[in-house]
Amino acid sequence: DHTTGGLGQARPNQHGHRRDVSDHTIGGLGQARPNQHGHRWDVSDHTTGSLGQARPNQHGHRWDVSDHTTGGLGQARPNQHGHRWDVSDHTTGGFGQARPNEHGHRWDVSDHTTGGFGQARPNQHGHRWDVSDHTTGGFGQARPNQNGHRWEVSDHTTGSLGQARPNQHGHRWDVSDHTTGGLGQARPNQHGHRWDVSDHTTGGFGQARPNQHGHRWDVSDHTTGGLGQARPNQHGHRWYVSDHTTGGLGQARPNQHGHRWDVSDHTTGGFGQARPNEHGHRWDVSE
């Protein structure tokens, strides 16, 4: 099958996923070929770059452990659990390319960030940068407290990109503080995660409110657009079954398993917005 053009617009195979195994992607935004499970590209295939083109492992997740990313937007290799990049690998820069530790979190303690978009080194818990490190400026580069989180309570933000003050747990801004806009500036709830349940996002890049577990936005809230602004269900995953996406980048609603969009919903276009089948994967068989 072929795509009929547009942003991420593609026709799924008999499993409701994008293009059949025997087909190839012809480039474009988010156009990719799923493997026998309807996931993106088979293990024997490689990504040729482009936006969101990635190869999942045997579980249908992005790229196998033995493969490497060649850059591009969101192209990353998960470990054996389908998370981004294995401990033995390094990031080569790019958008959101980071290596998680054994728990699938970003970068191991022994590694350093080389700059780039959101590239940071977590402590032993997989959080950003170790206590002994300092920020060198840049995008989202910040110094965490003893827990490896962003800036200590006694510090203040001096503005700039992604510079924010965490609460007593070293997370971003205290509950009593407010965001003043900017890139990635957000207020965490009582657990030090982004914004409290009673607060709302005012738009911006990555500004989102987690639920009671510190994940993004509560079930009762909606996204107002923006980059990566999404509301997880009770498991902290993106948007609940009863909600719809209003467009934007990567804004999608997972099913009861926290995956993208329920079977009964449709995509309204946008970047990578697609409806998964009963397993929470992209597009239903009937579409």
Protein backbone atom coordinates (compact mmCIF):
# COMPACT_ATOMS: atom_id res chain seq x y z
CA ASP A 1 0.00 0.00 0.00
CA HIS A 2 0.94 3.60 -0.34
CA THR A 3 0.41 6.75 1.65
CA THR A 4 -1.69 9.46 0.09
CA GLY A 5 0.65 12.20 1.29
CA GLY A 6 0.19 14.66 4.10
CA LEU A 7 1.64 14.75 7.56
CA GLY A 8 1.84 11.22 8.93
CA GLN A 9 -1.09 10.15 6.79
CA ALA A 10 -0.71 6.50 5.88
CA ARG A 11 -2.89 3.47 5.19
CA PRO A 12 -2.58 0.54 7.61
CA ASN A 13 -2.42 -3.15 6.63
CA GLN A 14 -4.82 -5.86 7.67
CA HIS A 15 -3.78 -5.47 11.27
CA GLY A 16 -4.63 -1.80 11.21
CA HIS A 17 -0.98 -0.77 11.26
CA ARG A 18 0.98 1.33 8.80
CA ARG A 19 1.84 -0.42 5.52
CA ASP A 20 2.41 -4.14 5.13
CA VAL A 21 5.69 -5.95 5.78
CA SER A 22 6.19 -6.36 2.04
CA ASP A 23 5.98 -2.64 1.49
CA HIS A 24 8.55 0.02 1.95
CA THR A 25 8.42 3.53 3.18
CA ILE A 26 9.04 6.22 0.61
CA GLY A 27 10.27 8.73 3.21
CA GLY A 28 8.17 11.52 4.54
CA LEU A 29 7.02 12.38 8.03
CA GLY A 30 6.41 9.32 10.20
CA GLN A 31 6.02 7.00 7.23
CA ALA A 32 7.37 3.65 8.27
CA ARG A 33 6.83 -0.06 7.62
CA PRO A 34 5.70 -2.26 10.53
CA ASN A 35 6.90 -5.83 11.12
CA GLN A 36 4.74 -8.89 11.40
CA HIS A 37 3.18 -7.50 14.54
CA GLY A 38 2.15 -4.33 12.80
CA HIS A 39 4.93 -2.32 14.41
CA ARG A 40 7.36 -0.07 12.63
CA TRP A 41 9.85 -1.83 10.32
CA ASP A 42 11.10 -5.37 10.73
CA VAL A 43 14.24 -6.28 12.65
CA SER A 44 16.02 -7.03 9.37
CA ASP A 45 15.37 -3.54 8.09
CA HIS A 46 17.08 -0.32 8.82
CA THR A 47 15.92 3.21 9.12
CA THR A 48 17.07 5.57 6.42
CA GLY A 49 16.74 8.63 8.63
CA SER A 50 13.83 11.09 8.25
CA LEU A 51 11.34 12.08 10.93
CA GLY A 52 10.14 9.29 13.22
CA GLN A 53 11.36 6.48 11.00
CA ALA A 54 12.63 3.81 13.32
CA ARG A 55 12.88 0.02 13.50
CA PRO A 56 11.34 -1.81 16.47
CA ASN A 57 12.79 -4.93 18.07
CA GLN A 58 11.02 -8.25 18.31
CA HIS A 59 8.45 -6.71 20.60
CA GLY A 60 7.56 -4.04 18.11
CA HIS A 61 9.51 -1.37 19.96
CA ARG A 62 12.00 0.93 18.34
CA TRP A 63 15.20 -0.71 17.02
CA ASP A 64 16.86 -3.83 18.33
CA VAL A 65 19.69 -3.81 20.85
CA SER A 66 22.18 -4.70 18.11
CA ASP A 67 21.28 -1.69 16.04
CA HIS A 68 22.27 1.91 16.24
CA THR A 69 20.49 5.13 15.57
CA THR A 70 21.71 7.24 12.69
CA GLY A 71 20.32 10.49 14.08
CA GLY A 72 17.04 12.06 13.11
CA LEU A 73 14.03 13.11 15.19
CA GLY A 74 13.18 10.68 17.96
CA GLN A 75 15.23 7.88 16.47
CA ALA A 76 16.49 5.88 19.38
CA ARG A 77 17.25 2.28 20.24
CA PRO A 78 15.49 0.71 23.22
CA ASN A 79 17.06 -1.88 25.52
CA GLN A 80 15.68 -5.33 26.01
CA HIS A 81 12.57 -3.84 27.52
CA GLY A 82 11.88 -1.68 24.50
CA HIS A 83 13.20 1.46 26.16
CA ARG A 84 15.62 3.87 24.58
CA TRP A 85 19.17 2.58 23.89
CA ASP A 86 21.08 0.01 25.87
CA VAL A 87 23.55 0.85 28.63
CA SER A 88 26.48 -0.07 26.38
CA ASP A 89 25.53 2.45 23.74
CA HIS A 90 25.98 6.14 23.42
CA THR A 91 23.90 8.89 21.99
CA THR A 92 25.22 10.67 18.93
CA GLY A 93 23.19 13.82 19.53
CA GLY A 94 19.96 14.66 17.77
CA PHE A 95 16.46 15.33 19.05
CA GLY A 96 15.69 13.52 22.30
CA GLN A 97 18.30 10.86 21.70
CA ALA A 98 19.42 9.61 25.07
CA ARG A 99 20.61 6.38 26.61
CA PRO A 100 18.71 4.97 29.59
CA ASN A 101 20.26 2.93 32.40
CA GLU A 102 19.24 -0.59 33.20
CA HIS A 103 15.78 0.67 34.05
CA GLY A 104 15.32 2.27 30.65
CA HIS A 105 15.96 5.79 31.94
CA ARG A 106 18.23 8.33 30.32
CA TRP A 107 22.00 7.65 30.28
CA ASP A 108 24.08 5.81 32.83
CA VAL A 109 25.98 7.45 35.69
CA SER A 110 29.30 6.85 33.92
CA ASP A 111 28.30 8.79 30.85
CA HIS A 112 28.26 12.44 30.06
CA THR A 113 26.02 14.60 27.99
CA THR A 114 27.45 15.97 24.77
CA GLY A 115 24.91 18.78 24.53
CA GLY A 116 22.01 18.71 22.11
CA PHE A 117 18.29 18.68 22.74
CA GLY A 118 17.41 17.40 26.22
CA GLN A 119 20.55 15.33 26.41
CA ALA A 120 21.48 15.00 30.05
CA ARG A 121 23.10 12.49 32.34
CA PRO A 122 20.99 11.00 35.12
CA ASN A 123 22.24 9.71 38.44
CA GLN A 124 21.97 6.12 39.54
CA HIS A 125 18.23 6.41 39.39
CA GLY A 126 18.28 7.44 35.75
CA HIS A 127 17.55 11.10 36.45
CA ARG A 128 19.35 14.06 34.97
CA TRP A 129 23.04 14.69 35.83
CA ASP A 130 24.95 13.69 38.93
CA VAL A 131 25.50 15.86 42.01
CA SER A 132 29.14 16.42 41.07
CA ASP A 133 28.28 17.93 37.74
CA HIS A 134 27.34 21.41 36.75
CA THR A 135 25.28 22.82 33.99
CA THR A 136 27.16 24.32 31.09
CA GLY A 137 24.11 26.12 29.73
CA GLY A 138 22.35 25.02 26.58
CA PHE A 139 18.91 23.56 26.04
CA GLY A 140 17.45 21.96 29.18
CA GLN A 141 20.88 21.56 30.70
CA ALA A 142 20.56 22.06 34.44
CA ARG A 143 22.27 20.96 37.62
CA PRO A 144 20.34 18.58 39.87
CA ASN A 145 20.58 18.30 43.65
CA GLN A 146 21.79 15.29 45.55
CA ASN A 147 19.09 13.17 43.98
CA GLY A 148 20.26 14.04 40.49
CA HIS A 149 17.25 16.25 39.81
CA ARG A 150 17.20 19.82 38.59
CA TRP A 151 18.63 22.57 40.85
CA GLU A 152 18.41 22.73 44.63
CA VAL A 153 15.68 24.58 46.54
CA SER A 154 18.16 27.29 47.53
CA ASP A 155 18.79 28.17 43.91
CA HIS A 156 16.78 30.32 41.64
CA THR A 157 16.20 30.28 37.95
CA THR A 158 17.90 33.03 36.04
CA GLY A 159 15.63 32.62 33.04
CA SER A 160 16.97 31.13 29.79
CA LEU A 161 16.02 27.86 28.17
CA GLY A 162 14.71 25.16 30.52
CA GLN A 163 16.28 26.71 33.60
CA ALA A 164 13.94 26.10 36.50
CA ARG A 165 14.04 25.67 40.28
CA PRO A 166 12.94 22.33 41.75
CA ASN A 167 11.27 21.78 45.12
CA GLN A 168 12.74 19.95 48.06
CA HIS A 169 13.08 16.79 46.01
CA GLY A 170 15.21 18.53 43.41
CA HIS A 171 12.40 18.57 40.86
CA ARG A 172 11.19 21.58 38.94
CA TRP A 173 9.75 24.47 40.97
CA ASP A 174 7.87 24.15 44.23
CA VAL A 175 4.08 23.86 44.46
CA SER A 176 3.93 27.42 45.75
CA ASP A 177 5.68 28.73 42.68
CA HIS A 178 4.35 29.44 39.28
CA THR A 179 5.80 29.13 35.84
CA THR A 180 6.49 32.35 34.03
CA GLY A 181 6.32 30.71 30.61
CA GLY A 182 9.40 29.89 28.58
CA LEU A 183 10.71 26.59 27.32
CA GLY A 184 10.16 23.68 29.67
CA GLN A 185 9.53 25.89 32.67
CA ALA A 186 6.91 24.13 34.73
CA ARG A 187 5.85 23.68 38.36
CA PRO A 188 5.87 20.14 39.82
CA ASN A 189 3.37 18.76 42.31
CA GLN A 190 4.13 17.56 45.80
CA HIS A 191 6.35 14.83 44.42
CA GLY A 192 8.51 17.34 42.60
CA HIS A 193 7.05 16.44 39.22
CA ARG A 194 5.59 18.87 36.74
CA TRP A 195 2.66 21.02 37.91
CA ASP A 196 0.10 20.07 40.51
CA VAL A 197 -3.27 18.51 39.66
CA SER A 198 -5.00 21.80 40.45
CA ASP A 199 -2.91 23.72 37.96
CA HIS A 200 -3.16 24.10 34.26
CA THR A 201 -0.62 24.47 31.53
CA THR A 202 -0.43 27.79 29.79
CA GLY A 203 1.01 26.31 26.60
CA GLY A 204 4.66 26.42 25.67
CA PHE A 205 7.18 23.69 24.99
CA GLY A 206 6.79 20.60 27.17
CA GLN A 207 4.74 22.39 29.79
CA ALA A 208 2.39 19.80 31.20
CA ARG A 209 0.73 18.89 34.49
CA PRO A 210 1.23 15.39 35.91
CA ASN A 211 -1.38 13.37 37.77
CA GLN A 212 -1.04 12.17 41.32
CA HIS A 213 1.91 10.02 40.32
CA GLY A 214 3.81 12.98 38.96
CA HIS A 215 3.07 12.03 35.36
CA ARG A 216 1.67 14.34 32.73
CA TRP A 217 -1.78 15.84 33.34
CA ASP A 218 -4.63 14.29 35.27
CA VAL A 219 -7.47 12.35 33.67
CA SER A 220 -9.85 15.28 34.15
CA ASP A 221 -7.67 17.73 32.27
CA HIS A 222 -7.18 18.49 28.64
CA THR A 223 -4.25 19.59 26.58
CA THR A 224 -4.34 23.01 25.00
CA GLY A 225 -2.00 22.07 22.17
CA GLY A 226 1.72 22.68 22.09
CA LEU A 227 4.68 20.33 21.74
CA GLY A 228 4.42 17.10 23.68
CA GLN A 229 1.55 18.31 25.82
CA ALA A 230 -0.49 15.24 26.58
CA ARG A 231 -2.56 13.83 29.43
CA PRO A 232 -1.80 10.34 30.73
CA ASN A 233 -4.37 7.89 32.09
CA GLN A 234 -4.25 6.47 35.57
CA HIS A 235 -0.96 4.81 34.75
CA GLY A 236 0.65 8.09 33.79
CA HIS A 237 0.47 7.34 30.07
CA ARG A 238 -0.82 9.69 27.41
CA TRP A 239 -4.48 10.73 27.50
CA TYR A 240 -7.36 8.66 28.73
CA VAL A 241 -9.73 6.66 26.51
CA SER A 242 -12.54 9.21 26.91
CA ASP A 243 -10.49 12.09 25.58
CA HIS A 244 -9.53 13.24 22.15
CA THR A 245 -6.46 14.83 20.73
CA THR A 246 -6.73 18.36 19.44
CA GLY A 247 -3.79 18.05 17.05
CA GLY A 248 -0.24 19.13 17.76
CA LEU A 249 3.02 17.22 17.84
CA GLY A 250 2.79 13.73 19.29
CA GLN A 251 -0.52 14.40 20.97
CA ALA A 252 -2.33 11.11 21.05
CA ARG A 253 -4.70 9.23 23.32
CA PRO A 254 -3.78 5.74 24.52
CA ASN A 255 -6.23 2.94 25.24
CA GLN A 256 -6.59 1.27 28.59
CA HIS A 257 -3.00 0.13 28.36
CA GLY A 258 -1.73 3.66 27.93
CA HIS A 259 -1.12 3.24 24.21
CA ARG A 260 -2.26 5.59 21.47
CA TRP A 261 -5.99 6.16 20.92
CA ASP A 262 -8.82 3.71 21.40
CA VAL A 263 -10.32 1.57 18.64
CA SER A 264 -13.45 3.74 18.54
CA ASP A 265 -11.57 6.94 17.82
CA HIS A 266 -10.24 8.48 14.69
CA THR A 267 -7.21 10.53 13.90
CA THR A 268 -7.75 14.15 12.99
CA GLY A 269 -4.45 14.48 11.16
CA GLY A 270 -1.39 16.12 12.62
CA PHE A 271 2.02 14.75 13.40
CA GLY A 272 1.99 10.99 13.96
CA GLN A 273 -1.61 11.04 15.11
CA ALA A 274 -3.03 7.62 14.44
CA ARG A 275 -5.55 5.24 15.95
CA PRO A 276 -4.28 1.92 17.32
CA ASN A 277 -6.18 -1.38 17.27
CA GLU A 278 -7.33 -3.27 20.32
CA HIS A 279 -3.74 -3.63 21.45
CA GLY A 280 -3.27 0.11 21.51
CA HIS A 281 -1.26 0.16 18.30
CA ARG A 282 -1.81 2.32 15.24
CA TRP A 283 -5.15 2.32 13.38
CA ASP A 284 -7.92 -0.26 13.40
CA VAL A 285 -8.44 -2.93 10.74
CA SER A 286 -11.65 -1.25 9.58
CA GLU A 287 -9.95 2.05 8.74
